[in-house]
N, C-alpha and C. Protein backbone atom coordinates (compact mmCIF):
# COMPACT_ATOMS: atom_id res chain seq x y z
N MET A 1 145.93 -35.31 60.12
CA MET A 1 146.89 -34.21 60.30
C MET A 1 146.24 -33.10 61.11
N PRO A 2 146.87 -32.60 62.18
CA PRO A 2 146.28 -31.54 62.98
C PRO A 2 146.05 -30.29 62.15
N PRO A 3 145.07 -29.44 62.50
CA PRO A 3 144.82 -28.21 61.76
C PRO A 3 146.07 -27.33 61.72
N HIS A 4 146.29 -26.71 60.57
CA HIS A 4 147.37 -25.73 60.37
C HIS A 4 148.77 -26.35 60.45
N SER A 5 148.89 -27.67 60.51
CA SER A 5 150.22 -28.27 60.52
C SER A 5 150.77 -28.31 59.10
N THR A 6 152.08 -28.28 58.98
CA THR A 6 152.72 -28.32 57.68
C THR A 6 153.19 -29.73 57.38
N PRO A 7 152.82 -30.30 56.23
CA PRO A 7 153.26 -31.65 55.90
C PRO A 7 154.78 -31.74 55.87
N HIS A 8 155.27 -32.91 56.18
CA HIS A 8 156.72 -33.13 56.21
C HIS A 8 157.28 -33.26 54.80
N THR A 9 158.40 -32.59 54.55
CA THR A 9 159.13 -32.73 53.29
C THR A 9 160.47 -33.39 53.59
N PRO A 10 160.76 -34.56 53.02
CA PRO A 10 162.02 -35.23 53.33
C PRO A 10 163.23 -34.44 52.83
N ASP A 11 164.36 -34.56 53.54
CA ASP A 11 165.57 -33.88 53.09
C ASP A 11 166.29 -34.76 52.06
N ASN A 12 167.38 -34.23 51.52
CA ASN A 12 168.09 -34.93 50.44
C ASN A 12 168.63 -36.29 50.89
N ASP A 13 169.07 -36.38 52.13
CA ASP A 13 169.59 -37.67 52.63
C ASP A 13 168.48 -38.72 52.67
N ALA A 14 167.31 -38.32 53.12
CA ALA A 14 166.18 -39.25 53.18
C ALA A 14 165.71 -39.63 51.78
N ILE A 15 165.70 -38.65 50.87
CA ILE A 15 165.27 -38.92 49.50
C ILE A 15 166.20 -39.92 48.82
N ALA A 16 167.51 -39.80 49.11
CA ALA A 16 168.49 -40.69 48.47
C ALA A 16 168.28 -42.16 48.84
N LEU A 17 167.61 -42.43 49.94
CA LEU A 17 167.37 -43.81 50.38
C LEU A 17 166.14 -44.43 49.72
N LEU A 18 165.35 -43.63 49.02
CA LEU A 18 164.12 -44.12 48.41
C LEU A 18 164.42 -44.88 47.12
N PRO A 19 163.53 -45.76 46.70
CA PRO A 19 163.72 -46.44 45.41
C PRO A 19 163.68 -45.43 44.27
N PRO A 20 164.34 -45.71 43.16
CA PRO A 20 164.43 -44.73 42.08
C PRO A 20 163.10 -44.52 41.35
N PHE A 21 162.89 -43.30 40.93
CA PHE A 21 161.76 -42.97 40.07
C PHE A 21 161.98 -43.61 38.70
N PRO A 22 160.97 -44.30 38.14
CA PRO A 22 161.14 -44.95 36.84
C PRO A 22 161.16 -43.92 35.70
N ARG A 23 162.36 -43.56 35.30
CA ARG A 23 162.55 -42.50 34.32
C ARG A 23 162.32 -42.99 32.90
N LEU A 24 162.05 -42.06 32.01
CA LEU A 24 162.00 -42.37 30.59
C LEU A 24 163.40 -42.68 30.08
N GLU A 25 163.49 -43.66 29.20
CA GLU A 25 164.73 -43.92 28.49
C GLU A 25 164.65 -43.30 27.10
N LEU A 26 165.69 -43.45 26.31
CA LEU A 26 165.76 -42.76 25.02
C LEU A 26 164.62 -43.17 24.09
N ASP A 27 164.13 -44.40 24.20
CA ASP A 27 163.06 -44.83 23.31
C ASP A 27 161.72 -44.18 23.65
N GLY A 28 161.67 -43.47 24.77
CA GLY A 28 160.47 -42.73 25.14
C GLY A 28 160.60 -41.24 24.94
N ILE A 29 161.64 -40.84 24.20
CA ILE A 29 161.95 -39.42 24.01
C ILE A 29 162.07 -39.13 22.51
N THR A 30 161.44 -38.05 22.07
CA THR A 30 161.56 -37.61 20.67
C THR A 30 162.24 -36.25 20.63
N LEU A 31 163.30 -36.15 19.86
CA LEU A 31 163.99 -34.88 19.66
C LEU A 31 163.33 -34.15 18.50
N VAL A 32 163.02 -32.89 18.71
CA VAL A 32 162.37 -32.07 17.69
C VAL A 32 163.28 -30.89 17.34
N GLN A 33 163.63 -30.78 16.05
CA GLN A 33 164.53 -29.71 15.61
C GLN A 33 163.95 -28.89 14.46
N THR A 34 162.98 -29.43 13.73
CA THR A 34 162.45 -28.77 12.53
C THR A 34 160.94 -28.58 12.64
N ALA A 35 160.41 -27.76 11.76
CA ALA A 35 158.96 -27.53 11.74
C ALA A 35 158.22 -28.82 11.41
N GLU A 36 158.76 -29.61 10.51
CA GLU A 36 158.12 -30.88 10.16
C GLU A 36 158.05 -31.81 11.37
N GLU A 37 159.15 -31.89 12.12
CA GLU A 37 159.16 -32.72 13.33
C GLU A 37 158.20 -32.16 14.39
N ALA A 38 158.08 -30.83 14.44
CA ALA A 38 157.15 -30.21 15.39
C ALA A 38 155.71 -30.56 15.03
N ARG A 39 155.38 -30.53 13.75
CA ARG A 39 154.02 -30.88 13.34
C ARG A 39 153.69 -32.34 13.67
N ALA A 40 154.68 -33.21 13.51
CA ALA A 40 154.47 -34.62 13.88
C ALA A 40 154.25 -34.75 15.39
N ALA A 41 155.00 -34.00 16.17
CA ALA A 41 154.82 -34.03 17.63
C ALA A 41 153.43 -33.53 18.02
N TRP A 42 152.96 -32.51 17.33
CA TRP A 42 151.65 -31.94 17.63
C TRP A 42 150.53 -32.96 17.43
N GLN A 43 150.68 -33.83 16.47
CA GLN A 43 149.65 -34.84 16.21
C GLN A 43 149.40 -35.71 17.44
N VAL A 44 150.44 -35.90 18.24
CA VAL A 44 150.29 -36.68 19.48
C VAL A 44 149.91 -35.77 20.65
N LEU A 45 150.62 -34.67 20.79
CA LEU A 45 150.39 -33.79 21.94
C LEU A 45 148.97 -33.24 21.99
N GLN A 46 148.39 -32.96 20.86
CA GLN A 46 147.06 -32.36 20.85
C GLN A 46 145.99 -33.31 21.41
N GLN A 47 146.31 -34.58 21.51
CA GLN A 47 145.37 -35.56 22.05
C GLN A 47 145.33 -35.55 23.58
N HIS A 48 146.21 -34.76 24.19
CA HIS A 48 146.32 -34.75 25.65
C HIS A 48 145.97 -33.36 26.19
N PRO A 49 145.11 -33.27 27.20
CA PRO A 49 144.70 -31.96 27.72
C PRO A 49 145.74 -31.27 28.59
N ALA A 50 146.73 -32.02 29.09
CA ALA A 50 147.74 -31.43 29.98
C ALA A 50 149.10 -32.04 29.69
N TRP A 51 150.11 -31.19 29.76
CA TRP A 51 151.49 -31.63 29.48
C TRP A 51 152.41 -31.23 30.63
N GLY A 52 153.43 -32.04 30.88
CA GLY A 52 154.54 -31.59 31.69
C GLY A 52 155.35 -30.59 30.87
N PHE A 53 155.91 -29.59 31.54
CA PHE A 53 156.47 -28.43 30.83
C PHE A 53 157.71 -27.92 31.55
N ASP A 54 158.76 -27.65 30.77
CA ASP A 54 159.99 -27.08 31.34
C ASP A 54 160.82 -26.51 30.21
N THR A 55 161.84 -25.74 30.54
CA THR A 55 162.78 -25.22 29.55
C THR A 55 164.20 -25.33 30.09
N GLU A 56 165.15 -25.27 29.18
CA GLU A 56 166.58 -25.24 29.55
C GLU A 56 167.27 -24.14 28.76
N SER A 57 168.21 -23.48 29.41
CA SER A 57 168.98 -22.41 28.77
C SER A 57 170.47 -22.59 29.04
N LYS A 58 171.27 -22.13 28.11
CA LYS A 58 172.72 -22.10 28.34
C LYS A 58 172.98 -21.24 29.57
N PRO A 59 173.76 -21.72 30.52
CA PRO A 59 174.00 -20.93 31.74
C PRO A 59 174.81 -19.67 31.45
N THR A 60 174.60 -18.66 32.29
CA THR A 60 175.41 -17.44 32.22
C THR A 60 176.39 -17.47 33.39
N PHE A 61 177.56 -16.89 33.16
CA PHE A 61 178.63 -17.00 34.15
C PHE A 61 179.12 -15.66 34.68
N PHE A 62 178.64 -14.56 34.11
CA PHE A 62 179.14 -13.25 34.51
C PHE A 62 177.98 -12.37 34.97
N LYS A 63 178.26 -11.47 35.88
CA LYS A 63 177.25 -10.54 36.37
C LYS A 63 176.70 -9.71 35.22
N ASP A 64 175.37 -9.58 35.19
CA ASP A 64 174.67 -8.80 34.17
C ASP A 64 174.76 -9.41 32.77
N GLN A 65 175.26 -10.66 32.67
CA GLN A 65 175.30 -11.32 31.38
C GLN A 65 173.88 -11.75 31.00
N ALA A 66 173.42 -11.32 29.83
CA ALA A 66 172.06 -11.64 29.39
C ALA A 66 172.03 -13.00 28.71
N SER A 67 170.98 -13.75 28.98
CA SER A 67 170.79 -15.05 28.34
C SER A 67 169.93 -14.87 27.10
N ASP A 68 170.25 -15.60 26.04
CA ASP A 68 169.41 -15.57 24.86
C ASP A 68 168.53 -16.83 24.80
N GLY A 69 168.40 -17.49 25.94
CA GLY A 69 167.57 -18.68 26.03
C GLY A 69 166.09 -18.33 26.19
N PRO A 70 165.27 -19.34 26.34
CA PRO A 70 165.63 -20.75 26.43
C PRO A 70 166.06 -21.32 25.08
N HIS A 71 166.91 -22.33 25.16
CA HIS A 71 167.39 -23.01 23.96
C HIS A 71 166.68 -24.34 23.74
N VAL A 72 166.06 -24.84 24.80
CA VAL A 72 165.36 -26.13 24.73
C VAL A 72 164.03 -26.00 25.47
N LEU A 73 162.99 -26.55 24.89
CA LEU A 73 161.68 -26.63 25.52
C LEU A 73 161.30 -28.11 25.62
N GLN A 74 160.81 -28.50 26.79
CA GLN A 74 160.41 -29.89 27.00
C GLN A 74 158.91 -29.95 27.28
N LEU A 75 158.23 -30.85 26.57
CA LEU A 75 156.83 -31.14 26.82
C LEU A 75 156.68 -32.64 26.95
N ALA A 76 155.79 -33.08 27.83
CA ALA A 76 155.67 -34.52 28.06
C ALA A 76 154.26 -34.90 28.45
N THR A 77 153.90 -36.12 28.10
CA THR A 77 152.72 -36.78 28.64
C THR A 77 153.23 -37.74 29.72
N THR A 78 152.35 -38.58 30.22
CA THR A 78 152.79 -39.55 31.24
C THR A 78 153.41 -40.79 30.61
N THR A 79 153.61 -40.77 29.29
CA THR A 79 154.25 -41.92 28.63
C THR A 79 155.37 -41.54 27.68
N HIS A 80 155.48 -40.26 27.32
CA HIS A 80 156.46 -39.86 26.30
C HIS A 80 156.84 -38.40 26.51
N ALA A 81 158.03 -38.03 26.02
CA ALA A 81 158.49 -36.64 26.11
C ALA A 81 159.07 -36.19 24.78
N TRP A 82 158.92 -34.90 24.53
CA TRP A 82 159.49 -34.25 23.34
C TRP A 82 160.46 -33.19 23.81
N VAL A 83 161.69 -33.27 23.32
CA VAL A 83 162.72 -32.28 23.64
C VAL A 83 162.90 -31.44 22.38
N ILE A 84 162.53 -30.17 22.47
CA ILE A 84 162.44 -29.31 21.30
C ILE A 84 163.55 -28.27 21.35
N GLN A 85 164.41 -28.29 20.35
CA GLN A 85 165.48 -27.30 20.26
C GLN A 85 164.95 -26.05 19.55
N LEU A 86 165.16 -24.90 20.17
CA LEU A 86 164.59 -23.65 19.68
C LEU A 86 165.63 -22.87 18.86
N HIS A 87 166.09 -23.48 17.78
CA HIS A 87 167.05 -22.84 16.89
C HIS A 87 166.42 -22.43 15.56
N ASP A 88 165.60 -23.32 14.99
CA ASP A 88 165.00 -23.08 13.68
C ASP A 88 163.77 -22.18 13.82
N PRO A 89 163.74 -21.01 13.15
CA PRO A 89 162.60 -20.10 13.28
C PRO A 89 161.26 -20.74 12.91
N ALA A 90 161.25 -21.61 11.90
CA ALA A 90 160.00 -22.26 11.50
C ALA A 90 159.51 -23.22 12.59
N CYS A 91 160.43 -23.92 13.23
CA CYS A 91 160.07 -24.79 14.34
C CYS A 91 159.54 -23.96 15.51
N CYS A 92 160.20 -22.85 15.79
CA CYS A 92 159.76 -21.98 16.89
C CYS A 92 158.36 -21.45 16.64
N ALA A 93 158.05 -21.13 15.39
CA ALA A 93 156.72 -20.61 15.05
C ALA A 93 155.64 -21.65 15.32
N GLU A 94 155.94 -22.92 15.00
CA GLU A 94 154.99 -24.00 15.28
C GLU A 94 154.76 -24.13 16.78
N VAL A 95 155.85 -24.14 17.53
CA VAL A 95 155.76 -24.35 18.98
C VAL A 95 155.04 -23.18 19.66
N ALA A 96 155.25 -21.97 19.16
CA ALA A 96 154.61 -20.80 19.75
C ALA A 96 153.10 -20.93 19.72
N GLN A 97 152.56 -21.53 18.67
CA GLN A 97 151.11 -21.72 18.58
C GLN A 97 150.60 -22.64 19.68
N TRP A 98 151.36 -23.69 19.99
CA TRP A 98 150.94 -24.61 21.05
C TRP A 98 150.91 -23.89 22.39
N LEU A 99 151.97 -23.12 22.63
CA LEU A 99 152.11 -22.49 23.94
C LEU A 99 151.02 -21.45 24.17
N ALA A 100 150.56 -20.82 23.10
CA ALA A 100 149.53 -19.79 23.24
C ALA A 100 148.14 -20.36 23.41
N ASN A 101 147.99 -21.67 23.24
CA ASN A 101 146.68 -22.32 23.29
C ASN A 101 146.33 -22.67 24.73
N PRO A 102 145.33 -22.00 25.33
CA PRO A 102 144.99 -22.27 26.73
C PRO A 102 144.25 -23.59 26.93
N ALA A 103 143.84 -24.24 25.83
CA ALA A 103 143.10 -25.50 25.96
C ALA A 103 143.99 -26.63 26.45
N HIS A 104 145.31 -26.48 26.31
CA HIS A 104 146.25 -27.50 26.76
C HIS A 104 147.05 -26.93 27.94
N LEU A 105 146.86 -27.51 29.13
CA LEU A 105 147.56 -27.03 30.31
C LEU A 105 149.01 -27.47 30.28
N LYS A 106 149.89 -26.59 30.76
CA LYS A 106 151.32 -26.86 30.81
C LYS A 106 151.77 -26.78 32.26
N ALA A 107 152.12 -27.92 32.84
CA ALA A 107 152.37 -28.00 34.28
C ALA A 107 153.85 -28.18 34.58
N GLY A 108 154.34 -27.43 35.56
CA GLY A 108 155.74 -27.56 35.94
C GLY A 108 156.03 -26.77 37.20
N PHE A 109 157.32 -26.66 37.52
CA PHE A 109 157.76 -25.97 38.74
C PHE A 109 158.52 -24.69 38.39
N GLY A 110 158.27 -23.63 39.15
CA GLY A 110 159.02 -22.39 38.99
C GLY A 110 158.93 -21.82 37.59
N LEU A 111 157.72 -21.67 37.09
CA LEU A 111 157.53 -21.37 35.66
C LEU A 111 157.43 -19.89 35.33
N ARG A 112 157.46 -19.01 36.30
CA ARG A 112 157.34 -17.59 35.99
C ARG A 112 158.49 -17.12 35.08
N ASP A 113 159.71 -17.53 35.39
CA ASP A 113 160.84 -17.14 34.54
C ASP A 113 160.74 -17.79 33.16
N ASP A 114 160.28 -19.04 33.12
CA ASP A 114 160.12 -19.72 31.83
C ASP A 114 159.15 -18.94 30.95
N LYS A 115 158.05 -18.49 31.53
CA LYS A 115 157.06 -17.72 30.78
C LYS A 115 157.67 -16.42 30.24
N ARG A 116 158.41 -15.74 31.09
CA ARG A 116 159.01 -14.46 30.70
C ARG A 116 160.04 -14.65 29.58
N HIS A 117 160.87 -15.68 29.72
CA HIS A 117 161.90 -15.92 28.71
C HIS A 117 161.30 -16.39 27.39
N LEU A 118 160.24 -17.19 27.45
CA LEU A 118 159.59 -17.64 26.22
C LEU A 118 158.89 -16.48 25.52
N LEU A 119 158.36 -15.55 26.28
CA LEU A 119 157.74 -14.36 25.68
C LEU A 119 158.79 -13.58 24.89
N ARG A 120 159.98 -13.43 25.47
CA ARG A 120 161.04 -12.72 24.78
C ARG A 120 161.54 -13.51 23.56
N LYS A 121 161.66 -14.81 23.70
CA LYS A 121 162.26 -15.65 22.65
C LYS A 121 161.28 -15.91 21.50
N LEU A 122 160.05 -16.27 21.84
CA LEU A 122 159.09 -16.69 20.82
C LEU A 122 158.01 -15.65 20.54
N LYS A 123 158.05 -14.54 21.27
CA LYS A 123 157.06 -13.46 21.09
C LYS A 123 155.64 -13.94 21.37
N VAL A 124 155.51 -14.87 22.31
CA VAL A 124 154.20 -15.34 22.72
C VAL A 124 154.25 -15.66 24.20
N GLU A 125 153.16 -15.33 24.92
CA GLU A 125 153.10 -15.66 26.34
C GLU A 125 152.37 -16.99 26.50
N PRO A 126 153.02 -17.97 27.09
CA PRO A 126 152.36 -19.27 27.28
C PRO A 126 151.06 -19.11 28.08
N ALA A 127 150.02 -19.78 27.61
CA ALA A 127 148.72 -19.75 28.28
C ALA A 127 148.43 -21.10 28.91
N GLY A 128 147.59 -21.10 29.92
CA GLY A 128 147.24 -22.35 30.57
C GLY A 128 148.38 -22.97 31.34
N VAL A 129 149.26 -22.14 31.89
CA VAL A 129 150.41 -22.64 32.64
C VAL A 129 150.01 -22.90 34.10
N VAL A 130 150.28 -24.09 34.57
CA VAL A 130 149.91 -24.49 35.93
C VAL A 130 151.18 -24.67 36.76
N GLU A 131 151.32 -23.86 37.79
CA GLU A 131 152.46 -23.95 38.69
C GLU A 131 152.18 -25.05 39.72
N LEU A 132 152.96 -26.12 39.68
CA LEU A 132 152.73 -27.24 40.59
C LEU A 132 152.94 -26.86 42.05
N ASN A 133 153.77 -25.86 42.29
CA ASN A 133 153.93 -25.40 43.67
C ASN A 133 152.59 -24.91 44.24
N ALA A 134 151.74 -24.34 43.39
CA ALA A 134 150.44 -23.86 43.86
C ALA A 134 149.58 -25.03 44.32
N LEU A 135 149.68 -26.16 43.63
CA LEU A 135 148.90 -27.33 44.03
C LEU A 135 149.42 -27.90 45.35
N PHE A 136 150.72 -27.84 45.54
CA PHE A 136 151.27 -28.31 46.81
C PHE A 136 150.90 -27.37 47.96
N ARG A 137 150.81 -26.07 47.67
CA ARG A 137 150.37 -25.15 48.72
C ARG A 137 148.94 -25.48 49.15
N GLN A 138 148.11 -25.93 48.21
CA GLN A 138 146.75 -26.34 48.57
C GLN A 138 146.77 -27.54 49.52
N ARG A 139 147.84 -28.29 49.49
CA ARG A 139 147.97 -29.46 50.37
C ARG A 139 148.67 -29.11 51.69
N GLY A 140 149.02 -27.84 51.85
CA GLY A 140 149.59 -27.40 53.12
C GLY A 140 151.07 -27.14 53.13
N TYR A 141 151.74 -27.31 52.00
CA TYR A 141 153.19 -27.07 51.94
C TYR A 141 153.42 -25.57 51.80
N ARG A 142 154.11 -25.00 52.76
CA ARG A 142 154.27 -23.54 52.79
C ARG A 142 155.46 -23.07 51.95
N ARG A 143 156.49 -23.88 51.90
CA ARG A 143 157.65 -23.51 51.09
C ARG A 143 157.53 -24.10 49.69
N GLU A 144 158.27 -23.50 48.75
CA GLU A 144 158.28 -24.04 47.40
C GLU A 144 158.88 -25.44 47.42
N ILE A 145 158.31 -26.30 46.62
CA ILE A 145 158.77 -27.68 46.56
C ILE A 145 159.13 -27.99 45.11
N GLY A 146 160.31 -28.49 44.89
CA GLY A 146 160.77 -28.79 43.54
C GLY A 146 160.42 -30.20 43.13
N VAL A 147 160.81 -30.56 41.91
CA VAL A 147 160.43 -31.86 41.37
C VAL A 147 160.99 -33.01 42.22
N LYS A 148 162.19 -32.86 42.74
CA LYS A 148 162.82 -33.94 43.50
C LYS A 148 162.03 -34.23 44.78
N ALA A 149 161.71 -33.18 45.54
CA ALA A 149 160.94 -33.37 46.77
C ALA A 149 159.51 -33.80 46.47
N ALA A 150 158.95 -33.29 45.38
CA ALA A 150 157.58 -33.64 45.02
C ALA A 150 157.44 -35.12 44.70
N VAL A 151 158.40 -35.66 43.95
CA VAL A 151 158.38 -37.08 43.62
C VAL A 151 158.52 -37.91 44.90
N ALA A 152 159.35 -37.46 45.83
CA ALA A 152 159.52 -38.18 47.09
C ALA A 152 158.22 -38.17 47.90
N VAL A 153 157.56 -37.02 47.95
CA VAL A 153 156.34 -36.88 48.74
C VAL A 153 155.19 -37.70 48.16
N LEU A 154 154.98 -37.59 46.85
CA LEU A 154 153.81 -38.23 46.25
C LEU A 154 154.02 -39.70 45.92
N PHE A 155 155.23 -40.03 45.47
CA PHE A 155 155.48 -41.38 44.97
C PHE A 155 156.40 -42.21 45.86
N GLY A 156 157.03 -41.59 46.86
CA GLY A 156 157.97 -42.31 47.70
C GLY A 156 159.17 -42.81 46.92
N GLN A 157 159.62 -41.99 45.94
CA GLN A 157 160.72 -42.39 45.06
C GLN A 157 161.76 -41.27 44.96
N CYS A 158 162.95 -41.66 44.54
CA CYS A 158 164.06 -40.70 44.40
C CYS A 158 164.21 -40.29 42.94
N PHE A 159 164.03 -39.00 42.69
CA PHE A 159 164.24 -38.45 41.35
C PHE A 159 165.62 -37.83 41.32
N SER A 160 166.55 -38.48 40.64
CA SER A 160 167.93 -38.00 40.63
C SER A 160 168.13 -36.96 39.54
N LYS A 161 168.93 -35.93 39.85
CA LYS A 161 169.23 -34.86 38.90
C LYS A 161 170.73 -34.63 38.90
N SER A 162 171.31 -34.52 37.71
CA SER A 162 172.73 -34.28 37.57
C SER A 162 173.01 -32.79 37.47
N LYS A 163 173.75 -32.25 38.45
CA LYS A 163 174.11 -30.83 38.40
C LYS A 163 174.99 -30.53 37.20
N LYS A 164 175.86 -31.48 36.85
CA LYS A 164 176.74 -31.28 35.69
C LYS A 164 175.92 -31.11 34.42
N THR A 165 174.91 -31.95 34.25
CA THR A 165 174.07 -31.83 33.06
C THR A 165 173.21 -30.58 33.13
N ALA A 166 172.69 -30.27 34.29
CA ALA A 166 171.84 -29.09 34.44
C ALA A 166 172.55 -27.82 34.01
N THR A 167 173.84 -27.73 34.27
CA THR A 167 174.61 -26.53 33.96
C THR A 167 175.43 -26.68 32.68
N SER A 168 175.06 -27.63 31.86
CA SER A 168 175.77 -27.83 30.59
C SER A 168 175.31 -26.81 29.55
N ASN A 169 175.94 -26.83 28.39
CA ASN A 169 175.60 -25.87 27.33
C ASN A 169 174.40 -26.36 26.54
N TRP A 170 173.24 -25.77 26.81
CA TRP A 170 172.00 -26.19 26.16
C TRP A 170 171.81 -25.55 24.79
N SER A 171 172.73 -24.69 24.38
CA SER A 171 172.59 -24.04 23.07
C SER A 171 173.30 -24.80 21.96
N VAL A 172 173.95 -25.91 22.29
CA VAL A 172 174.71 -26.65 21.27
C VAL A 172 173.76 -27.21 20.21
N PRO A 173 174.24 -27.33 18.95
CA PRO A 173 173.39 -27.88 17.89
C PRO A 173 172.98 -29.33 18.13
N ARG A 174 173.85 -30.10 18.76
CA ARG A 174 173.58 -31.51 18.98
C ARG A 174 173.60 -31.80 20.49
N LEU A 175 172.46 -32.10 21.04
CA LEU A 175 172.39 -32.40 22.47
C LEU A 175 172.97 -33.78 22.74
N SER A 176 173.59 -33.93 23.91
CA SER A 176 174.14 -35.23 24.29
C SER A 176 173.02 -36.13 24.81
N GLU A 177 173.33 -37.40 24.94
CA GLU A 177 172.36 -38.35 25.47
C GLU A 177 171.96 -37.96 26.89
N SER A 178 172.92 -37.53 27.69
CA SER A 178 172.60 -37.15 29.06
C SER A 178 171.71 -35.91 29.10
N GLN A 179 171.90 -34.98 28.17
CA GLN A 179 171.04 -33.81 28.11
C GLN A 179 169.60 -34.19 27.72
N LEU A 180 169.47 -35.07 26.75
CA LEU A 180 168.14 -35.52 26.34
C LEU A 180 167.40 -36.18 27.50
N LEU A 181 168.09 -37.05 28.21
CA LEU A 181 167.47 -37.75 29.33
C LEU A 181 167.10 -36.78 30.45
N TYR A 182 167.98 -35.85 30.76
CA TYR A 182 167.74 -34.88 31.82
C TYR A 182 166.53 -34.02 31.48
N ALA A 183 166.53 -33.44 30.28
CA ALA A 183 165.47 -32.53 29.89
C ALA A 183 164.13 -33.24 29.82
N ALA A 184 164.11 -34.40 29.18
CA ALA A 184 162.85 -35.13 29.01
C ALA A 184 162.25 -35.53 30.34
N ASN A 185 163.08 -35.99 31.25
CA ASN A 185 162.54 -36.50 32.51
C ASN A 185 162.06 -35.41 33.45
N ASP A 186 162.58 -34.22 33.33
CA ASP A 186 162.02 -33.11 34.12
C ASP A 186 160.56 -32.88 33.73
N ALA A 187 160.29 -32.85 32.43
CA ALA A 187 158.92 -32.64 31.97
C ALA A 187 158.06 -33.87 32.23
N PHE A 188 158.63 -35.05 32.05
CA PHE A 188 157.90 -36.30 32.29
C PHE A 188 157.46 -36.39 33.75
N ALA A 189 158.37 -36.09 34.67
CA ALA A 189 158.01 -36.12 36.10
C ALA A 189 156.91 -35.12 36.40
N ALA A 190 156.98 -33.94 35.79
CA ALA A 190 155.95 -32.92 36.01
C ALA A 190 154.59 -33.44 35.52
N ALA A 191 154.57 -34.12 34.39
CA ALA A 191 153.32 -34.67 33.87
C ALA A 191 152.75 -35.72 34.83
N CYS A 192 153.61 -36.58 35.33
CA CYS A 192 153.16 -37.62 36.27
C CYS A 192 152.65 -37.01 37.57
N LEU A 193 153.34 -35.98 38.05
CA LEU A 193 152.92 -35.32 39.29
C LEU A 193 151.60 -34.60 39.11
N TYR A 194 151.44 -33.92 37.99
CA TYR A 194 150.18 -33.22 37.73
C TYR A 194 149.02 -34.21 37.70
N GLN A 195 149.22 -35.31 37.02
CA GLN A 195 148.17 -36.33 36.96
C GLN A 195 147.82 -36.83 38.37
N ALA A 196 148.84 -37.11 39.17
CA ALA A 196 148.60 -37.61 40.53
C ALA A 196 147.87 -36.57 41.38
N LEU A 197 148.26 -35.32 41.25
CA LEU A 197 147.65 -34.27 42.06
C LEU A 197 146.20 -34.00 41.67
N THR A 198 145.87 -34.13 40.41
CA THR A 198 144.54 -33.75 39.95
C THR A 198 143.58 -34.92 39.83
N THR A 199 144.06 -36.14 40.04
CA THR A 199 143.13 -37.27 40.04
C THR A 199 142.79 -37.71 41.47
N ASP A 200 143.39 -37.05 42.45
CA ASP A 200 143.04 -37.29 43.85
C ASP A 200 141.67 -36.65 44.11
N PRO A 201 140.67 -37.43 44.48
CA PRO A 201 139.32 -36.86 44.64
C PRO A 201 139.22 -35.83 45.75
N THR A 202 140.20 -35.76 46.63
CA THR A 202 140.15 -34.77 47.72
C THR A 202 140.74 -33.44 47.30
N GLN A 203 141.29 -33.36 46.08
CA GLN A 203 141.94 -32.14 45.62
C GLN A 203 141.15 -31.49 44.49
N PRO A 204 141.30 -30.16 44.28
CA PRO A 204 140.62 -29.49 43.17
C PRO A 204 141.04 -30.09 41.83
N ARG A 205 140.08 -30.28 40.94
CA ARG A 205 140.37 -30.89 39.65
C ARG A 205 140.84 -29.86 38.63
N HIS A 206 140.49 -28.59 38.81
CA HIS A 206 140.82 -27.58 37.80
C HIS A 206 141.57 -26.43 38.47
N PRO A 207 142.87 -26.60 38.71
CA PRO A 207 143.63 -25.55 39.37
C PRO A 207 143.72 -24.30 38.50
N ALA A 208 143.83 -23.18 39.16
CA ALA A 208 143.95 -21.92 38.42
C ALA A 208 145.31 -21.86 37.74
N ALA A 209 145.29 -21.49 36.49
CA ALA A 209 146.54 -21.32 35.76
C ALA A 209 147.13 -19.95 36.08
N LEU A 210 148.44 -19.85 35.90
CA LEU A 210 149.09 -18.56 36.15
C LEU A 210 148.69 -17.55 35.08
C-alpha cells in the first residue's frame, strides 16, 4: 500500500454480495435477567480477558425526549454471548462490578455514548473499554467504521443487521427471538473482530482503552 493511502472500505452493495458471517444461533446465547443468572454468567466470562461489548436502548421518538436506557447489555466471547436485561436492581449490581473491572477489556464500536449511559444507569463507569474504530485508525482507516464494514474488511463476509429489530422496544420484559439474535451477534462480532485485530503480529497487541 502506498504511503498515506487510505484502505478501501466496501459499500453496502459490495458487502451484500459477500458470503454471510457465521452468526450465533440461540443455542449460543444466554439470556440473563436475575442476579443468580448473572453470577453464573460471570463464572464463564471471568475466564476470558476480553469481551465483545454493546448495549441496546428503547428508541426515543420526540425531540428532547430522555432515554432511561440502556435496557440491554451484551457481552460475548468468540464462542458465546450473554444478553443481559437491566431491569432487576440485584442483577444490575452484579453487572456493574464486571464493567468497573479494568482487567477484562470490553471491545466494541461507538462506545462513548454506551459508557455515558451506563454511568447514569448503573452508577459505574466501564473500565477497560476498547474502541474498535481506534484499532482501524491504526490500520489507516480515516473514517469511523462500523461492525458491518469491519466484518467485510477483515473477514470478507456480510454481517446483516435488521433496522426493524434495531429500532424495536428494548425495554420489554420479554425479548423476542429476533432481538436476542440481533443483540448477541453485535457483541459476538465485536469479540471476533477484536481477536482478529489483536492477534495480527503486525498490529499493537495492547491497544489503549478509552
